[in-house]
Amino acid sequence: MADKRFHLPYDYGAGLHAIAEKLSHERSNSRALLIDEVKKDVSKQFSEQVKTLTEQLSKRNEEFQKLQESSVKQLQDTQKNFTEQEKQRKEEMDSYKKEIAALHEKNMQSAINEKTASMKVRLETLNQDNIRLSQELQSSKTDYIKIILAFILALFIGFVLAKVF
C-alpha cells in the first residue's frame, strides 16, 4: 500500500477494502484448498482402510472356509473310524460269544463225560458186587445142595445098612 498513491481518502479505503477482500478471498480459497486436501487425504485413507479391511475379511473368509472344510473332513473321518471300530468291536463280541458258547459246550461235555465215567465206575462196582453176591449165593446153594445130597446119601446108606443088618 505504501507503493500506491491515493488521490482521495476514498481511494485509500477502497484500496484497503480491495486488499481485505483479496486476502479474505485468498484465505477462503486456501481454506477450501486445505479442506479439499484434507477430504482427499481422508477419503484416500478411508478407501485404503476399506481396501485393507476387505482384503483381511476375504482372507478370514477363506481361512474360515478352509477350517470348515477341514472340520467337516475330520468329522467324517472320525465318524468313519467310529463306525469301523464299532464294527470291529461287534465282530470281536460275536467271536467272543462263539468262543464262550464253544467253551460252555466243551465244559458241559466234559461234565457229562465225568459224570458218565463216574456212573460207569459205579456200575462196574455194582456189577462186580452183583457177580460176587451171585457167586456167594450159588456157592451157598451148592453148599446146601451138597449138604442135602450128603444127607440123602447118608439116609440111603442108612437104609441099605439097616436092611442088610
N, C-alpha and C. Protein backbone atom coordinates (compact mmCIF):
# COMPACT_ATOMS: atom_id res chain seq x y z
N MET A 1 0.81 -1.18 0.00
CA MET A 1 0.00 0.00 0.00
C MET A 1 0.85 1.25 0.00
N ALA A 2 2.01 1.06 0.49
CA ALA A 2 2.86 2.23 0.54
C ALA A 2 3.31 2.61 -0.85
N ASP A 3 3.36 1.70 -1.77
CA ASP A 3 3.80 1.98 -3.13
C ASP A 3 2.72 2.71 -3.92
N LYS A 4 1.53 2.60 -3.54
CA LYS A 4 0.44 3.20 -4.30
C LYS A 4 0.18 4.61 -3.84
N ARG A 5 -0.30 5.33 -4.75
CA ARG A 5 -0.69 6.71 -4.46
C ARG A 5 -2.19 6.80 -4.48
N PHE A 6 -2.68 7.40 -3.53
CA PHE A 6 -4.12 7.58 -3.44
C PHE A 6 -4.42 9.07 -3.49
N HIS A 7 -5.32 9.40 -4.37
CA HIS A 7 -5.67 10.81 -4.53
C HIS A 7 -6.69 11.20 -3.49
N LEU A 8 -7.52 10.33 -3.19
CA LEU A 8 -8.57 10.65 -2.24
C LEU A 8 -8.55 9.62 -1.10
N PRO A 9 -9.02 10.02 0.02
CA PRO A 9 -9.07 9.06 1.10
C PRO A 9 -10.02 7.91 0.77
N TYR A 10 -10.99 8.24 -0.10
CA TYR A 10 -11.91 7.17 -0.50
C TYR A 10 -11.16 6.10 -1.25
N ASP A 11 -10.25 6.51 -2.10
CA ASP A 11 -9.46 5.56 -2.86
C ASP A 11 -8.62 4.71 -1.91
N TYR A 12 -8.13 5.38 -0.84
CA TYR A 12 -7.34 4.64 0.13
C TYR A 12 -8.21 3.57 0.80
N GLY A 13 -9.40 3.93 1.17
CA GLY A 13 -10.33 3.00 1.82
C GLY A 13 -10.74 1.91 0.85
N ALA A 14 -10.98 2.30 -0.42
CA ALA A 14 -11.36 1.31 -1.41
C ALA A 14 -10.21 0.36 -1.65
N GLY A 15 -8.99 0.86 -1.63
CA GLY A 15 -7.81 0.01 -1.81
C GLY A 15 -7.66 -0.96 -0.65
N LEU A 16 -7.88 -0.38 0.57
CA LEU A 16 -7.81 -1.25 1.75
C LEU A 16 -8.91 -2.31 1.69
N HIS A 17 -10.06 -1.83 1.27
CA HIS A 17 -11.18 -2.76 1.15
C HIS A 17 -10.85 -3.85 0.12
N ALA A 18 -10.26 -3.48 -1.02
CA ALA A 18 -9.91 -4.44 -2.07
C ALA A 18 -8.86 -5.42 -1.55
N ILE A 19 -7.89 -4.87 -0.80
CA ILE A 19 -6.85 -5.75 -0.24
C ILE A 19 -7.48 -6.71 0.76
N ALA A 20 -8.36 -6.22 1.62
CA ALA A 20 -9.02 -7.07 2.61
C ALA A 20 -9.85 -8.13 1.90
N GLU A 21 -10.55 -7.70 0.83
CA GLU A 21 -11.36 -8.66 0.06
C GLU A 21 -10.47 -9.73 -0.55
N LYS A 22 -9.36 -9.27 -1.11
CA LYS A 22 -8.43 -10.18 -1.76
C LYS A 22 -7.87 -11.18 -0.74
N LEU A 23 -7.48 -10.67 0.42
CA LEU A 23 -6.95 -11.54 1.47
C LEU A 23 -8.03 -12.51 1.97
N SER A 24 -9.22 -12.00 2.12
CA SER A 24 -10.33 -12.84 2.56
C SER A 24 -10.60 -13.93 1.53
N HIS A 25 -10.57 -13.49 0.25
CA HIS A 25 -10.81 -14.44 -0.82
C HIS A 25 -9.69 -15.50 -0.87
N GLU A 26 -8.44 -15.05 -0.73
CA GLU A 26 -7.30 -15.99 -0.73
C GLU A 26 -7.38 -16.93 0.47
N ARG A 27 -7.79 -16.32 1.59
CA ARG A 27 -7.91 -17.13 2.80
C ARG A 27 -8.98 -18.20 2.62
N SER A 28 -10.13 -17.81 2.08
CA SER A 28 -11.20 -18.78 1.88
C SER A 28 -10.79 -19.80 0.82
N ASN A 29 -10.04 -19.34 -0.20
CA ASN A 29 -9.54 -20.29 -1.21
C ASN A 29 -8.55 -21.26 -0.58
N SER A 30 -7.65 -20.73 0.26
CA SER A 30 -6.67 -21.60 0.90
C SER A 30 -7.38 -22.56 1.87
N ARG A 31 -8.43 -22.08 2.54
CA ARG A 31 -9.20 -22.93 3.43
C ARG A 31 -9.91 -24.01 2.60
N ALA A 32 -10.47 -23.61 1.48
CA ALA A 32 -11.15 -24.56 0.60
C ALA A 32 -10.15 -25.57 0.05
N LEU A 33 -8.96 -25.08 -0.31
CA LEU A 33 -7.92 -26.00 -0.79
C LEU A 33 -7.50 -26.95 0.32
N LEU A 34 -7.36 -26.39 1.53
CA LEU A 34 -6.99 -27.21 2.67
C LEU A 34 -8.08 -28.26 2.94
N ILE A 35 -9.32 -27.81 2.89
CA ILE A 35 -10.44 -28.73 3.09
C ILE A 35 -10.44 -29.79 2.01
N ASP A 36 -10.21 -29.36 0.76
CA ASP A 36 -10.16 -30.32 -0.35
C ASP A 36 -9.03 -31.33 -0.14
N GLU A 37 -7.86 -30.83 0.27
CA GLU A 37 -6.74 -31.73 0.51
C GLU A 37 -7.04 -32.69 1.66
N VAL A 38 -7.61 -32.14 2.72
CA VAL A 38 -7.96 -32.98 3.87
C VAL A 38 -9.00 -34.02 3.44
N LYS A 39 -9.99 -33.57 2.64
CA LYS A 39 -11.00 -34.50 2.15
C LYS A 39 -10.35 -35.60 1.32
N LYS A 40 -9.43 -35.18 0.44
CA LYS A 40 -8.75 -36.16 -0.40
C LYS A 40 -7.95 -37.13 0.46
N ASP A 41 -7.20 -36.59 1.44
CA ASP A 41 -6.40 -37.45 2.32
C ASP A 41 -7.30 -38.41 3.12
N VAL A 42 -8.36 -37.85 3.68
CA VAL A 42 -9.26 -38.67 4.49
C VAL A 42 -9.93 -39.73 3.62
N SER A 43 -10.40 -39.32 2.43
CA SER A 43 -11.05 -40.30 1.56
C SER A 43 -10.05 -41.35 1.09
N LYS A 44 -8.80 -40.93 0.83
CA LYS A 44 -7.77 -41.88 0.43
C LYS A 44 -7.48 -42.86 1.57
N GLN A 45 -7.31 -42.32 2.79
CA GLN A 45 -7.07 -43.18 3.94
C GLN A 45 -8.26 -44.11 4.18
N PHE A 46 -9.46 -43.55 4.05
CA PHE A 46 -10.66 -44.35 4.24
C PHE A 46 -10.74 -45.46 3.20
N SER A 47 -10.48 -45.11 1.94
CA SER A 47 -10.53 -46.13 0.89
C SER A 47 -9.44 -47.18 1.10
N GLU A 48 -8.25 -46.75 1.55
CA GLU A 48 -7.19 -47.72 1.84
C GLU A 48 -7.59 -48.63 3.00
N GLN A 49 -8.19 -48.03 4.04
CA GLN A 49 -8.65 -48.84 5.17
C GLN A 49 -9.73 -49.82 4.73
N VAL A 50 -10.66 -49.32 3.89
CA VAL A 50 -11.71 -50.19 3.39
C VAL A 50 -11.11 -51.32 2.57
N LYS A 51 -10.13 -50.99 1.71
CA LYS A 51 -9.47 -51.99 0.89
C LYS A 51 -8.75 -53.01 1.78
N THR A 52 -8.00 -52.51 2.77
CA THR A 52 -7.27 -53.39 3.69
C THR A 52 -8.24 -54.28 4.46
N LEU A 53 -9.30 -53.67 4.98
CA LEU A 53 -10.28 -54.46 5.73
C LEU A 53 -10.99 -55.47 4.83
N THR A 54 -11.25 -55.08 3.57
CA THR A 54 -11.87 -56.01 2.63
C THR A 54 -10.94 -57.19 2.36
N GLU A 55 -9.65 -56.90 2.17
CA GLU A 55 -8.67 -57.97 1.95
C GLU A 55 -8.59 -58.88 3.18
N GLN A 56 -8.53 -58.25 4.37
CA GLN A 56 -8.48 -59.05 5.60
C GLN A 56 -9.74 -59.91 5.74
N LEU A 57 -10.89 -59.31 5.43
CA LEU A 57 -12.14 -60.05 5.51
C LEU A 57 -12.16 -61.22 4.54
N SER A 58 -11.68 -60.99 3.32
CA SER A 58 -11.66 -62.08 2.34
C SER A 58 -10.68 -63.18 2.80
N LYS A 59 -9.53 -62.78 3.36
CA LYS A 59 -8.59 -63.78 3.88
C LYS A 59 -9.21 -64.58 5.02
N ARG A 60 -9.88 -63.85 5.91
CA ARG A 60 -10.53 -64.53 7.03
C ARG A 60 -11.64 -65.46 6.54
N ASN A 61 -12.37 -65.02 5.53
CA ASN A 61 -13.42 -65.88 4.96
C ASN A 61 -12.82 -67.13 4.34
N GLU A 62 -11.70 -66.97 3.62
CA GLU A 62 -11.02 -68.13 3.04
C GLU A 62 -10.53 -69.07 4.14
N GLU A 63 -9.93 -68.49 5.20
CA GLU A 63 -9.46 -69.31 6.31
C GLU A 63 -10.64 -70.04 6.97
N PHE A 64 -11.75 -69.33 7.11
CA PHE A 64 -12.93 -69.94 7.71
C PHE A 64 -13.45 -71.07 6.83
N GLN A 65 -13.46 -70.85 5.52
CA GLN A 65 -13.90 -71.90 4.59
C GLN A 65 -13.00 -73.13 4.71
N LYS A 66 -11.67 -72.87 4.71
CA LYS A 66 -10.73 -73.98 4.84
C LYS A 66 -10.92 -74.71 6.16
N LEU A 67 -11.13 -73.93 7.23
CA LEU A 67 -11.35 -74.52 8.54
C LEU A 67 -12.62 -75.35 8.55
N GLN A 68 -13.68 -74.82 7.92
CA GLN A 68 -14.93 -75.58 7.84
C GLN A 68 -14.72 -76.88 7.06
N GLU A 69 -14.03 -76.79 5.93
CA GLU A 69 -13.78 -77.98 5.12
C GLU A 69 -12.97 -79.01 5.89
N SER A 70 -11.91 -78.53 6.57
CA SER A 70 -11.10 -79.46 7.35
C SER A 70 -11.89 -80.04 8.52
N SER A 71 -12.74 -79.22 9.13
CA SER A 71 -13.58 -79.72 10.23
C SER A 71 -14.56 -80.77 9.73
N VAL A 72 -15.15 -80.51 8.58
CA VAL A 72 -16.09 -81.49 8.00
C VAL A 72 -15.34 -82.78 7.69
N LYS A 73 -14.15 -82.66 7.11
CA LYS A 73 -13.36 -83.85 6.79
C LYS A 73 -12.98 -84.61 8.06
N GLN A 74 -12.54 -83.87 9.09
CA GLN A 74 -12.19 -84.52 10.35
C GLN A 74 -13.40 -85.22 10.96
N LEU A 75 -14.56 -84.56 10.88
CA LEU A 75 -15.77 -85.16 11.42
C LEU A 75 -16.13 -86.43 10.65
N GLN A 76 -16.01 -86.38 9.34
CA GLN A 76 -16.29 -87.57 8.54
C GLN A 76 -15.30 -88.69 8.86
N ASP A 77 -14.01 -88.32 8.98
CA ASP A 77 -13.00 -89.32 9.33
C ASP A 77 -13.29 -89.93 10.70
N THR A 78 -13.66 -89.06 11.65
CA THR A 78 -13.96 -89.53 13.00
C THR A 78 -15.16 -90.47 12.98
N GLN A 79 -16.20 -90.08 12.24
CA GLN A 79 -17.38 -90.94 12.14
C GLN A 79 -17.03 -92.27 11.47
N LYS A 80 -16.21 -92.21 10.43
CA LYS A 80 -15.80 -93.43 9.73
C LYS A 80 -15.01 -94.33 10.68
N ASN A 81 -14.06 -93.73 11.41
CA ASN A 81 -13.28 -94.51 12.37
C ASN A 81 -14.18 -95.11 13.44
N PHE A 82 -15.14 -94.31 13.90
CA PHE A 82 -16.06 -94.79 14.94
C PHE A 82 -16.87 -95.98 14.43
N THR A 83 -17.40 -95.86 13.21
CA THR A 83 -18.19 -96.97 12.66
C THR A 83 -17.31 -98.21 12.45
N GLU A 84 -16.07 -98.00 11.99
CA GLU A 84 -15.16 -99.13 11.81
C GLU A 84 -14.85 -99.79 13.15
N GLN A 85 -14.58 -98.96 14.17
CA GLN A 85 -14.29 -99.51 15.49
C GLN A 85 -15.51 -100.24 16.05
N GLU A 86 -16.69 -99.65 15.82
CA GLU A 86 -17.91 -100.29 16.30
C GLU A 86 -18.12 -101.63 15.60
N LYS A 87 -17.86 -101.66 14.29
CA LYS A 87 -18.00 -102.91 13.54
C LYS A 87 -16.99 -103.94 14.05
N GLN A 88 -15.74 -103.49 14.27
CA GLN A 88 -14.70 -104.39 14.76
C GLN A 88 -15.06 -104.93 16.15
N ARG A 89 -15.57 -104.05 17.01
CA ARG A 89 -15.95 -104.50 18.35
C ARG A 89 -17.12 -105.48 18.29
N LYS A 90 -18.04 -105.24 17.36
CA LYS A 90 -19.17 -106.16 17.20
C LYS A 90 -18.66 -107.52 16.74
N GLU A 91 -17.73 -107.51 15.77
CA GLU A 91 -17.15 -108.77 15.30
C GLU A 91 -16.42 -109.49 16.44
N GLU A 92 -15.64 -108.72 17.23
CA GLU A 92 -14.95 -109.31 18.37
C GLU A 92 -15.95 -109.90 19.37
N MET A 93 -17.03 -109.13 19.60
CA MET A 93 -18.05 -109.60 20.53
C MET A 93 -18.69 -110.89 20.03
N ASP A 94 -18.97 -110.94 18.72
CA ASP A 94 -19.54 -112.16 18.15
C ASP A 94 -18.57 -113.34 18.30
N SER A 95 -17.28 -113.08 18.02
CA SER A 95 -16.30 -114.17 18.15
C SER A 95 -16.19 -114.59 19.62
N TYR A 96 -16.24 -113.62 20.55
CA TYR A 96 -16.20 -113.97 21.97
C TYR A 96 -17.43 -114.79 22.36
N LYS A 97 -18.58 -114.40 21.82
CA LYS A 97 -19.80 -115.17 22.13
C LYS A 97 -19.67 -116.59 21.61
N LYS A 98 -19.12 -116.73 20.38
CA LYS A 98 -18.93 -118.07 19.83
C LYS A 98 -17.96 -118.87 20.68
N GLU A 99 -16.86 -118.22 21.09
CA GLU A 99 -15.88 -118.90 21.94
C GLU A 99 -16.51 -119.33 23.26
N ILE A 100 -17.30 -118.40 23.84
CA ILE A 100 -17.95 -118.72 25.11
C ILE A 100 -18.92 -119.88 24.93
N ALA A 101 -19.68 -119.85 23.82
CA ALA A 101 -20.62 -120.95 23.56
C ALA A 101 -19.86 -122.26 23.38
N ALA A 102 -18.73 -122.22 22.64
CA ALA A 102 -17.93 -123.42 22.43
C ALA A 102 -17.36 -123.92 23.76
N LEU A 103 -16.83 -122.98 24.57
CA LEU A 103 -16.29 -123.38 25.87
C LEU A 103 -17.38 -123.93 26.78
N HIS A 104 -18.56 -123.32 26.72
CA HIS A 104 -19.68 -123.81 27.53
C HIS A 104 -20.05 -125.23 27.10
N GLU A 105 -20.12 -125.41 25.78
CA GLU A 105 -20.44 -126.74 25.25
C GLU A 105 -19.37 -127.75 25.66
N LYS A 106 -18.10 -127.31 25.57
CA LYS A 106 -16.99 -128.18 25.95
C LYS A 106 -17.06 -128.52 27.44
N ASN A 107 -17.35 -127.50 28.26
CA ASN A 107 -17.47 -127.73 29.70
C ASN A 107 -18.63 -128.67 30.01
N MET A 108 -19.75 -128.45 29.31
CA MET A 108 -20.90 -129.33 29.52
C MET A 108 -20.55 -130.76 29.12
N GLN A 109 -19.89 -130.91 27.97
CA GLN A 109 -19.49 -132.24 27.50
C GLN A 109 -18.52 -132.88 28.49
N SER A 110 -17.59 -132.06 29.00
CA SER A 110 -16.63 -132.57 29.98
C SER A 110 -17.35 -133.00 31.25
N ALA A 111 -18.31 -132.19 31.71
CA ALA A 111 -19.06 -132.55 32.92
C ALA A 111 -19.86 -133.83 32.67
N ILE A 112 -20.47 -133.92 31.49
CA ILE A 112 -21.23 -135.13 31.15
C ILE A 112 -20.31 -136.34 31.11
N ASN A 113 -19.13 -136.16 30.48
CA ASN A 113 -18.16 -137.27 30.41
C ASN A 113 -17.71 -137.70 31.80
N GLU A 114 -17.45 -136.71 32.67
CA GLU A 114 -17.03 -137.03 34.04
C GLU A 114 -18.13 -137.79 34.76
N LYS A 115 -19.36 -137.28 34.62
CA LYS A 115 -20.49 -137.93 35.28
C LYS A 115 -20.68 -139.34 34.73
N THR A 116 -20.55 -139.46 33.39
CA THR A 116 -20.69 -140.78 32.76
C THR A 116 -19.60 -141.72 33.26
N ALA A 117 -18.37 -141.21 33.34
CA ALA A 117 -17.26 -142.05 33.82
C ALA A 117 -17.51 -142.49 35.25
N SER A 118 -17.95 -141.56 36.10
CA SER A 118 -18.20 -141.94 37.50
C SER A 118 -19.36 -142.93 37.58
N MET A 119 -20.37 -142.73 36.73
CA MET A 119 -21.50 -143.67 36.71
C MET A 119 -21.04 -145.04 36.21
N LYS A 120 -20.16 -145.07 35.19
CA LYS A 120 -19.64 -146.34 34.68
C LYS A 120 -18.85 -147.06 35.77
N VAL A 121 -18.02 -146.29 36.50
CA VAL A 121 -17.24 -146.88 37.59
C VAL A 121 -18.18 -147.45 38.63
N ARG A 122 -19.21 -146.69 38.96
CA ARG A 122 -20.18 -147.15 39.96
C ARG A 122 -20.92 -148.40 39.44
N LEU A 123 -21.31 -148.35 38.14
CA LEU A 123 -21.98 -149.51 37.54
C LEU A 123 -21.08 -150.73 37.56
N GLU A 124 -19.81 -150.50 37.22
CA GLU A 124 -18.84 -151.61 37.23
C GLU A 124 -18.70 -152.17 38.64
N THR A 125 -18.63 -151.27 39.62
CA THR A 125 -18.53 -151.71 41.02
C THR A 125 -19.78 -152.50 41.41
N LEU A 126 -20.95 -151.97 41.02
CA LEU A 126 -22.19 -152.66 41.35
C LEU A 126 -22.27 -154.02 40.64
N ASN A 127 -21.82 -154.05 39.36
CA ASN A 127 -21.80 -155.33 38.64
C ASN A 127 -20.89 -156.34 39.33
N GLN A 128 -19.72 -155.87 39.75
CA GLN A 128 -18.79 -156.76 40.45
C GLN A 128 -19.40 -157.25 41.76
N ASP A 129 -20.05 -156.29 42.48
CA ASP A 129 -20.71 -156.69 43.72
C ASP A 129 -21.82 -157.70 43.44
N ASN A 130 -22.56 -157.47 42.36
CA ASN A 130 -23.66 -158.36 41.97
C ASN A 130 -23.12 -159.74 41.62
N ILE A 131 -22.03 -159.76 40.84
CA ILE A 131 -21.41 -161.05 40.47
C ILE A 131 -20.91 -161.76 41.72
N ARG A 132 -20.28 -161.03 42.62
CA ARG A 132 -19.76 -161.62 43.85
C ARG A 132 -20.90 -162.18 44.69
N LEU A 133 -21.99 -161.36 44.79
CA LEU A 133 -23.14 -161.84 45.57
C LEU A 133 -23.79 -163.05 44.91
N SER A 134 -23.86 -163.03 43.56
CA SER A 134 -24.41 -164.19 42.84
C SER A 134 -23.56 -165.42 43.09
N GLN A 135 -22.25 -165.25 43.06
CA GLN A 135 -21.35 -166.38 43.30
C GLN A 135 -21.51 -166.88 44.73
N GLU A 136 -21.64 -165.93 45.67
CA GLU A 136 -21.84 -166.34 47.06
C GLU A 136 -23.15 -167.10 47.20
N LEU A 137 -24.19 -166.59 46.50
CA LEU A 137 -25.48 -167.26 46.55
C LEU A 137 -25.38 -168.65 45.92
N GLN A 138 -24.70 -168.74 44.78
CA GLN A 138 -24.51 -170.03 44.11
C GLN A 138 -23.70 -170.97 45.01
N SER A 139 -22.66 -170.42 45.63
CA SER A 139 -21.84 -171.28 46.48
C SER A 139 -22.63 -171.72 47.70
N SER A 140 -23.46 -170.84 48.25
CA SER A 140 -24.26 -171.26 49.40
C SER A 140 -25.32 -172.26 48.96
N LYS A 141 -25.89 -172.11 47.74
CA LYS A 141 -26.83 -173.09 47.21
C LYS A 141 -26.11 -174.41 47.01
N THR A 142 -24.92 -174.32 46.49
CA THR A 142 -24.14 -175.53 46.26
C THR A 142 -23.85 -176.21 47.59
N ASP A 143 -23.54 -175.41 48.57
CA ASP A 143 -23.28 -175.99 49.89
C ASP A 143 -24.54 -176.66 50.42
N TYR A 144 -25.69 -176.02 50.28
CA TYR A 144 -26.95 -176.62 50.74
C TYR A 144 -27.25 -177.87 49.93
N ILE A 145 -26.99 -177.77 48.61
CA ILE A 145 -27.25 -178.94 47.76
C ILE A 145 -26.31 -180.08 48.18
N LYS A 146 -25.06 -179.73 48.43
CA LYS A 146 -24.10 -180.75 48.85
C LYS A 146 -24.53 -181.36 50.19
N ILE A 147 -24.99 -180.49 51.09
CA ILE A 147 -25.42 -180.99 52.40
C ILE A 147 -26.64 -181.89 52.23
N ILE A 148 -27.59 -181.43 51.39
CA ILE A 148 -28.82 -182.21 51.17
C ILE A 148 -28.45 -183.54 50.49
N LEU A 149 -27.57 -183.48 49.50
CA LEU A 149 -27.15 -184.72 48.82
C LEU A 149 -26.43 -185.66 49.80
N ALA A 150 -25.58 -185.05 50.64
CA ALA A 150 -24.88 -185.87 51.62
C ALA A 150 -25.88 -186.49 52.60
N PHE A 151 -26.89 -185.73 52.99
CA PHE A 151 -27.92 -186.23 53.90
C PHE A 151 -28.71 -187.36 53.26
N ILE A 152 -29.10 -187.14 51.99
CA ILE A 152 -29.86 -188.17 51.27
C ILE A 152 -28.97 -189.41 51.10
N LEU A 153 -27.72 -189.20 50.77
CA LEU A 153 -26.81 -190.33 50.62
C LEU A 153 -26.64 -191.07 51.96
N ALA A 154 -26.55 -190.31 53.04
CA ALA A 154 -26.42 -190.93 54.36
C ALA A 154 -27.68 -191.71 54.71
N LEU A 155 -28.85 -191.20 54.39
CA LEU A 155 -30.10 -191.91 54.64
C LEU A 155 -30.15 -193.19 53.80
N PHE A 156 -29.76 -193.08 52.58
CA PHE A 156 -29.78 -194.23 51.69
C PHE A 156 -28.82 -195.31 52.21
N ILE A 157 -27.65 -194.88 52.61
CA ILE A 157 -26.68 -195.82 53.16
C ILE A 157 -27.25 -196.41 54.46
N GLY A 158 -27.89 -195.52 55.23
CA GLY A 158 -28.50 -196.00 56.49
C GLY A 158 -29.59 -197.01 56.20
N PHE A 159 -30.43 -196.84 55.20
CA PHE A 159 -31.47 -197.81 54.84
C PHE A 159 -30.85 -199.09 54.32
N VAL A 160 -29.85 -198.91 53.51
CA VAL A 160 -29.21 -200.09 52.94
C VAL A 160 -28.56 -200.87 54.10
N LEU A 161 -27.93 -200.24 54.98
CA LEU A 161 -27.29 -200.92 56.09
C LEU A 161 -28.37 -201.51 57.03
N ALA A 162 -29.42 -200.82 57.20
CA ALA A 162 -30.47 -201.31 58.08
C ALA A 162 -31.13 -202.53 57.45
N LYS A 163 -31.25 -202.63 56.20
CA LYS A 163 -31.85 -203.79 55.55
C LYS A 163 -30.83 -204.91 55.55
N VAL A 164 -29.66 -204.60 55.42
CA VAL A 164 -28.63 -205.62 55.38
C VAL A 164 -28.42 -206.09 56.84
N PHE A 165 -28.50 -205.43 57.79
CA PHE A 165 -28.26 -205.85 59.17
C PHE A 165 -29.54 -205.89 59.85
